[in-house]
Amino acid sequence: MNFISPINTDLLLEEAEKEALYLKLIKQINKDFNLANEGIDFPIGITPEELKIQMHEKIYRLIQYKFAEYLNLLYIIDVPEDQIKKLDGSDLVALAEQVAFLILKREWQKVWFRNKY
C-alpha cells in the first residue's frame, strides 16, 4: 500500500480516523511542537474539527507574533521548504491555514510510514 497524500485537512483527518491512526497523529503533533519549544497539548479526545481550528489559530499566532519560533517549528517538523515558498503570504489568515495543512500533512506522513513499516 502506497502513501497517498490527502489534498486538504478534512480528508487528511478523515483518513487518519479511518486508518485508526488519529490518536497517533495527535501524539506526534504534540511531540514535535514540544520539541520546538512551542508547547501545545492537544487532548487525546479532541475532535478533528477542533484540532483543525486550534492548529490554525496556533500557526496564525506564531506567524504574527513569534516568527523565529514559527520557522524553527517548520524545521523541527520537517515541512518541505519548497512547499512553504509556493504559498501566497498576502492573506495571513489563509497562509496560516495552508501552513497548518502542510504541518498536518507532514505529521501524517510520519505516523503513516511508522505504522506501515
N, C-alpha and C. Protein backbone atom coordinates (compact mmCIF):
# COMPACT_ATOMS: atom_id res chain seq x y z
N MET A 1 0.85 -1.19 0.00
CA MET A 1 0.00 0.00 0.00
C MET A 1 0.89 1.24 0.00
N ASN A 2 0.64 2.11 -0.94
CA ASN A 2 1.44 3.32 -1.08
C ASN A 2 0.81 4.49 -0.37
N PHE A 3 1.68 5.39 0.07
CA PHE A 3 1.20 6.60 0.74
C PHE A 3 0.62 7.54 -0.30
N ILE A 4 -0.61 7.96 -0.08
CA ILE A 4 -1.26 8.94 -0.94
C ILE A 4 -1.54 10.17 -0.09
N SER A 5 -0.98 11.27 -0.49
CA SER A 5 -1.11 12.50 0.29
C SER A 5 -2.49 13.11 0.11
N PRO A 6 -3.22 13.31 1.21
CA PRO A 6 -4.54 13.95 1.12
C PRO A 6 -4.43 15.38 0.59
N ILE A 7 -5.51 15.85 -0.05
CA ILE A 7 -5.46 17.17 -0.68
C ILE A 7 -5.94 18.30 0.22
N ASN A 8 -6.56 17.97 1.36
CA ASN A 8 -6.94 19.03 2.29
C ASN A 8 -7.02 18.47 3.71
N THR A 9 -7.16 19.36 4.66
CA THR A 9 -7.13 18.98 6.08
C THR A 9 -8.25 18.02 6.43
N ASP A 10 -9.45 18.29 5.95
CA ASP A 10 -10.59 17.43 6.28
C ASP A 10 -10.36 15.99 5.81
N LEU A 11 -9.89 15.84 4.58
CA LEU A 11 -9.63 14.49 4.05
C LEU A 11 -8.50 13.81 4.81
N LEU A 12 -7.50 14.58 5.19
CA LEU A 12 -6.38 14.03 5.95
C LEU A 12 -6.86 13.48 7.29
N LEU A 13 -7.64 14.26 8.00
CA LEU A 13 -8.12 13.84 9.32
C LEU A 13 -9.10 12.67 9.19
N GLU A 14 -9.89 12.68 8.13
CA GLU A 14 -10.81 11.57 7.87
C GLU A 14 -10.02 10.28 7.63
N GLU A 15 -8.96 10.39 6.84
CA GLU A 15 -8.10 9.23 6.55
C GLU A 15 -7.44 8.72 7.83
N ALA A 16 -6.96 9.63 8.66
CA ALA A 16 -6.32 9.24 9.92
C ALA A 16 -7.31 8.46 10.80
N GLU A 17 -8.54 8.92 10.86
CA GLU A 17 -9.55 8.21 11.65
C GLU A 17 -9.87 6.86 11.04
N LYS A 18 -9.98 6.82 9.72
CA LYS A 18 -10.32 5.58 9.02
C LYS A 18 -9.24 4.51 9.27
N GLU A 19 -8.00 4.94 9.29
CA GLU A 19 -6.89 4.00 9.49
C GLU A 19 -6.60 3.77 10.97
N ALA A 20 -7.42 4.34 11.83
CA ALA A 20 -7.25 4.22 13.29
C ALA A 20 -5.90 4.75 13.75
N LEU A 21 -5.46 5.83 13.12
CA LEU A 21 -4.17 6.43 13.45
C LEU A 21 -4.33 7.88 13.95
N TYR A 22 -5.55 8.30 14.17
CA TYR A 22 -5.81 9.67 14.59
C TYR A 22 -5.14 9.96 15.93
N LEU A 23 -5.23 9.03 16.86
CA LEU A 23 -4.61 9.19 18.18
C LEU A 23 -3.09 9.34 18.06
N LYS A 24 -2.49 8.53 17.20
CA LYS A 24 -1.04 8.63 16.99
C LYS A 24 -0.66 9.95 16.33
N LEU A 25 -1.54 10.45 15.46
CA LEU A 25 -1.30 11.74 14.81
C LEU A 25 -1.28 12.86 15.85
N ILE A 26 -2.23 12.84 16.77
CA ILE A 26 -2.28 13.85 17.83
C ILE A 26 -1.01 13.77 18.69
N LYS A 27 -0.60 12.57 19.04
CA LYS A 27 0.61 12.39 19.86
C LYS A 27 1.84 12.92 19.12
N GLN A 28 1.93 12.66 17.82
CA GLN A 28 3.07 13.13 17.02
C GLN A 28 3.09 14.65 16.96
N ILE A 29 1.94 15.26 16.77
CA ILE A 29 1.86 16.73 16.73
C ILE A 29 2.31 17.31 18.06
N ASN A 30 1.77 16.78 19.15
CA ASN A 30 2.17 17.26 20.49
C ASN A 30 3.67 17.11 20.69
N LYS A 31 4.21 15.97 20.30
CA LYS A 31 5.64 15.70 20.48
C LYS A 31 6.50 16.70 19.71
N ASP A 32 6.18 16.93 18.45
CA ASP A 32 7.01 17.81 17.62
C ASP A 32 6.88 19.28 18.04
N PHE A 33 5.68 19.71 18.43
CA PHE A 33 5.52 21.08 18.91
C PHE A 33 6.33 21.28 20.19
N ASN A 34 6.33 20.29 21.06
CA ASN A 34 7.11 20.40 22.29
C ASN A 34 8.61 20.37 22.01
N LEU A 35 9.03 19.59 21.02
CA LEU A 35 10.45 19.58 20.63
C LEU A 35 10.88 20.97 20.15
N ALA A 36 9.96 21.68 19.54
CA ALA A 36 10.26 23.02 19.02
C ALA A 36 10.02 24.10 20.09
N ASN A 37 9.80 23.66 21.33
CA ASN A 37 9.54 24.58 22.45
C ASN A 37 8.31 25.45 22.22
N GLU A 38 7.35 24.90 21.52
CA GLU A 38 6.08 25.58 21.30
C GLU A 38 5.00 24.72 21.93
N GLY A 39 5.06 24.62 23.23
CA GLY A 39 4.18 23.74 23.96
C GLY A 39 2.74 23.80 23.51
N ILE A 40 2.29 22.69 23.05
CA ILE A 40 0.89 22.55 22.67
C ILE A 40 0.50 21.19 23.20
N ASP A 41 -0.67 21.10 23.73
CA ASP A 41 -1.07 19.82 24.30
C ASP A 41 -2.51 19.53 23.89
N PHE A 42 -2.64 19.05 22.67
CA PHE A 42 -3.97 18.68 22.21
C PHE A 42 -4.43 17.47 23.01
N PRO A 43 -5.60 17.55 23.62
CA PRO A 43 -6.09 16.39 24.38
C PRO A 43 -6.39 15.23 23.44
N ILE A 44 -6.23 14.02 23.93
CA ILE A 44 -6.44 12.82 23.13
C ILE A 44 -7.87 12.79 22.55
N GLY A 45 -8.83 13.34 23.27
CA GLY A 45 -10.22 13.30 22.83
C GLY A 45 -10.64 14.44 21.92
N ILE A 46 -9.69 15.25 21.44
CA ILE A 46 -10.03 16.40 20.60
C ILE A 46 -10.66 15.92 19.29
N THR A 47 -11.70 16.62 18.87
CA THR A 47 -12.34 16.25 17.60
C THR A 47 -11.49 16.74 16.43
N PRO A 48 -11.61 16.09 15.28
CA PRO A 48 -10.85 16.56 14.12
C PRO A 48 -11.14 18.03 13.78
N GLU A 49 -12.38 18.45 13.90
CA GLU A 49 -12.75 19.83 13.60
C GLU A 49 -12.05 20.79 14.57
N GLU A 50 -12.05 20.45 15.86
CA GLU A 50 -11.41 21.29 16.87
C GLU A 50 -9.89 21.31 16.68
N LEU A 51 -9.32 20.18 16.31
CA LEU A 51 -7.87 20.10 16.04
C LEU A 51 -7.52 21.06 14.90
N LYS A 52 -8.32 21.01 13.86
CA LYS A 52 -8.09 21.86 12.69
C LYS A 52 -8.13 23.34 13.09
N ILE A 53 -9.13 23.72 13.88
CA ILE A 53 -9.30 25.12 14.31
C ILE A 53 -8.14 25.56 15.21
N GLN A 54 -7.82 24.75 16.20
CA GLN A 54 -6.75 25.12 17.15
C GLN A 54 -5.38 25.16 16.47
N MET A 55 -5.14 24.24 15.54
CA MET A 55 -3.87 24.24 14.81
C MET A 55 -3.76 25.53 13.98
N HIS A 56 -4.83 25.90 13.31
CA HIS A 56 -4.84 27.12 12.51
C HIS A 56 -4.56 28.35 13.38
N GLU A 57 -5.22 28.42 14.53
CA GLU A 57 -5.02 29.56 15.44
C GLU A 57 -3.58 29.62 15.95
N LYS A 58 -3.02 28.47 16.29
CA LYS A 58 -1.64 28.41 16.80
C LYS A 58 -0.66 28.90 15.74
N ILE A 59 -0.81 28.42 14.52
CA ILE A 59 0.09 28.82 13.44
C ILE A 59 -0.07 30.32 13.14
N TYR A 60 -1.30 30.79 13.15
CA TYR A 60 -1.55 32.22 12.92
C TYR A 60 -0.81 33.06 13.96
N ARG A 61 -0.93 32.70 15.24
CA ARG A 61 -0.26 33.45 16.30
C ARG A 61 1.26 33.38 16.16
N LEU A 62 1.78 32.23 15.77
CA LEU A 62 3.23 32.11 15.59
C LEU A 62 3.73 33.02 14.46
N ILE A 63 3.02 33.00 13.34
CA ILE A 63 3.43 33.84 12.21
C ILE A 63 3.36 35.32 12.61
N GLN A 64 2.29 35.67 13.29
CA GLN A 64 2.03 37.06 13.66
C GLN A 64 3.01 37.59 14.72
N TYR A 65 3.27 36.79 15.76
CA TYR A 65 3.98 37.31 16.93
C TYR A 65 5.33 36.65 17.23
N LYS A 66 5.56 35.46 16.70
CA LYS A 66 6.79 34.73 17.04
C LYS A 66 7.36 34.07 15.79
N PHE A 67 7.78 34.91 14.84
CA PHE A 67 8.16 34.38 13.52
C PHE A 67 9.37 33.45 13.59
N ALA A 68 10.37 33.77 14.39
CA ALA A 68 11.55 32.90 14.50
C ALA A 68 11.15 31.53 15.04
N GLU A 69 10.25 31.50 16.02
CA GLU A 69 9.78 30.24 16.58
C GLU A 69 8.97 29.46 15.55
N TYR A 70 8.22 30.18 14.73
CA TYR A 70 7.46 29.57 13.64
C TYR A 70 8.39 28.87 12.66
N LEU A 71 9.47 29.54 12.27
CA LEU A 71 10.44 28.94 11.36
C LEU A 71 11.11 27.73 11.99
N ASN A 72 11.43 27.82 13.27
CA ASN A 72 12.01 26.69 13.98
C ASN A 72 11.06 25.49 13.99
N LEU A 73 9.78 25.75 14.21
CA LEU A 73 8.79 24.69 14.21
C LEU A 73 8.75 23.98 12.86
N LEU A 74 8.74 24.76 11.78
CA LEU A 74 8.73 24.16 10.44
C LEU A 74 9.95 23.29 10.22
N TYR A 75 11.09 23.74 10.74
CA TYR A 75 12.33 22.98 10.63
C TYR A 75 12.24 21.67 11.42
N ILE A 76 11.78 21.75 12.65
CA ILE A 76 11.68 20.58 13.52
C ILE A 76 10.73 19.54 12.91
N ILE A 77 9.60 20.01 12.41
CA ILE A 77 8.61 19.09 11.84
C ILE A 77 9.07 18.59 10.47
N ASP A 78 9.94 19.33 9.82
CA ASP A 78 10.49 18.97 8.52
C ASP A 78 9.48 19.19 7.39
N VAL A 79 8.83 20.35 7.43
CA VAL A 79 7.92 20.73 6.35
C VAL A 79 8.80 21.17 5.18
N PRO A 80 8.57 20.61 3.98
CA PRO A 80 9.42 20.95 2.84
C PRO A 80 9.41 22.45 2.54
N GLU A 81 10.60 23.01 2.46
CA GLU A 81 10.76 24.45 2.25
C GLU A 81 10.14 24.91 0.93
N ASP A 82 10.27 24.10 -0.11
CA ASP A 82 9.72 24.49 -1.41
C ASP A 82 8.20 24.63 -1.35
N GLN A 83 7.53 23.82 -0.53
CA GLN A 83 6.08 23.94 -0.40
C GLN A 83 5.69 25.23 0.32
N ILE A 84 6.48 25.61 1.32
CA ILE A 84 6.22 26.86 2.04
C ILE A 84 6.41 28.05 1.10
N LYS A 85 7.47 28.00 0.28
CA LYS A 85 7.77 29.11 -0.63
C LYS A 85 6.70 29.30 -1.70
N LYS A 86 5.96 28.26 -2.01
CA LYS A 86 4.91 28.35 -3.04
C LYS A 86 3.66 29.06 -2.53
N LEU A 87 3.52 29.22 -1.22
CA LEU A 87 2.31 29.80 -0.65
C LEU A 87 2.28 31.31 -0.83
N ASP A 88 1.08 31.84 -0.96
CA ASP A 88 0.87 33.27 -1.09
C ASP A 88 0.72 33.87 0.31
N GLY A 89 1.62 34.75 0.68
CA GLY A 89 1.62 35.32 2.02
C GLY A 89 0.84 36.61 2.17
N SER A 90 0.06 36.98 1.16
CA SER A 90 -0.63 38.27 1.22
C SER A 90 -1.79 38.26 2.23
N ASP A 91 -2.42 37.12 2.45
CA ASP A 91 -3.51 37.00 3.42
C ASP A 91 -3.03 36.10 4.55
N LEU A 92 -2.78 36.70 5.70
CA LEU A 92 -2.19 35.98 6.83
C LEU A 92 -3.08 34.84 7.33
N VAL A 93 -4.38 35.04 7.34
CA VAL A 93 -5.31 34.00 7.80
C VAL A 93 -5.25 32.80 6.86
N ALA A 94 -5.29 33.06 5.56
CA ALA A 94 -5.22 31.98 4.58
C ALA A 94 -3.86 31.29 4.62
N LEU A 95 -2.80 32.07 4.79
CA LEU A 95 -1.46 31.50 4.90
C LEU A 95 -1.37 30.55 6.09
N ALA A 96 -1.86 30.98 7.23
CA ALA A 96 -1.82 30.14 8.44
C ALA A 96 -2.58 28.84 8.22
N GLU A 97 -3.70 28.92 7.52
CA GLU A 97 -4.49 27.71 7.24
C GLU A 97 -3.72 26.76 6.34
N GLN A 98 -3.06 27.30 5.32
CA GLN A 98 -2.29 26.46 4.39
C GLN A 98 -1.08 25.84 5.08
N VAL A 99 -0.40 26.60 5.93
CA VAL A 99 0.76 26.08 6.66
C VAL A 99 0.31 25.01 7.66
N ALA A 100 -0.82 25.24 8.31
CA ALA A 100 -1.36 24.23 9.24
C ALA A 100 -1.60 22.92 8.50
N PHE A 101 -2.12 23.01 7.28
CA PHE A 101 -2.33 21.81 6.48
C PHE A 101 -1.01 21.13 6.14
N LEU A 102 0.00 21.92 5.74
CA LEU A 102 1.31 21.32 5.42
C LEU A 102 1.92 20.63 6.64
N ILE A 103 1.74 21.23 7.81
CA ILE A 103 2.24 20.61 9.04
C ILE A 103 1.50 19.30 9.32
N LEU A 104 0.19 19.35 9.22
CA LEU A 104 -0.59 18.13 9.43
C LEU A 104 -0.21 17.05 8.42
N LYS A 105 0.00 17.47 7.18
CA LYS A 105 0.36 16.50 6.13
C LYS A 105 1.70 15.83 6.45
N ARG A 106 2.67 16.62 6.89
CA ARG A 106 3.99 16.06 7.22
C ARG A 106 3.89 15.14 8.43
N GLU A 107 3.14 15.54 9.45
CA GLU A 107 2.96 14.71 10.63
C GLU A 107 2.24 13.41 10.26
N TRP A 108 1.27 13.51 9.37
CA TRP A 108 0.54 12.33 8.92
C TRP A 108 1.48 11.36 8.18
N GLN A 109 2.38 11.90 7.36
CA GLN A 109 3.36 11.05 6.68
C GLN A 109 4.18 10.26 7.69
N LYS A 110 4.66 10.94 8.71
CA LYS A 110 5.47 10.28 9.74
C LYS A 110 4.70 9.14 10.40
N VAL A 111 3.47 9.43 10.81
CA VAL A 111 2.65 8.43 11.50
C VAL A 111 2.32 7.26 10.57
N TRP A 112 1.95 7.58 9.34
CA TRP A 112 1.56 6.55 8.38
C TRP A 112 2.72 5.61 8.08
N PHE A 113 3.90 6.19 7.79
CA PHE A 113 5.07 5.35 7.47
C PHE A 113 5.50 4.51 8.66
N ARG A 114 5.48 5.10 9.85
CA ARG A 114 5.86 4.35 11.05
C ARG A 114 4.91 3.17 11.26
N ASN A 115 3.65 3.38 10.96
CA ASN A 115 2.66 2.33 11.14
C ASN A 115 2.82 1.22 10.08
N LYS A 116 3.14 1.59 8.86
CA LYS A 116 3.22 0.62 7.77
C LYS A 116 4.55 -0.13 7.72
N TYR A 117 5.63 0.52 8.16
CA TYR A 117 6.95 -0.09 8.03
C TYR A 117 7.58 -0.12 9.36
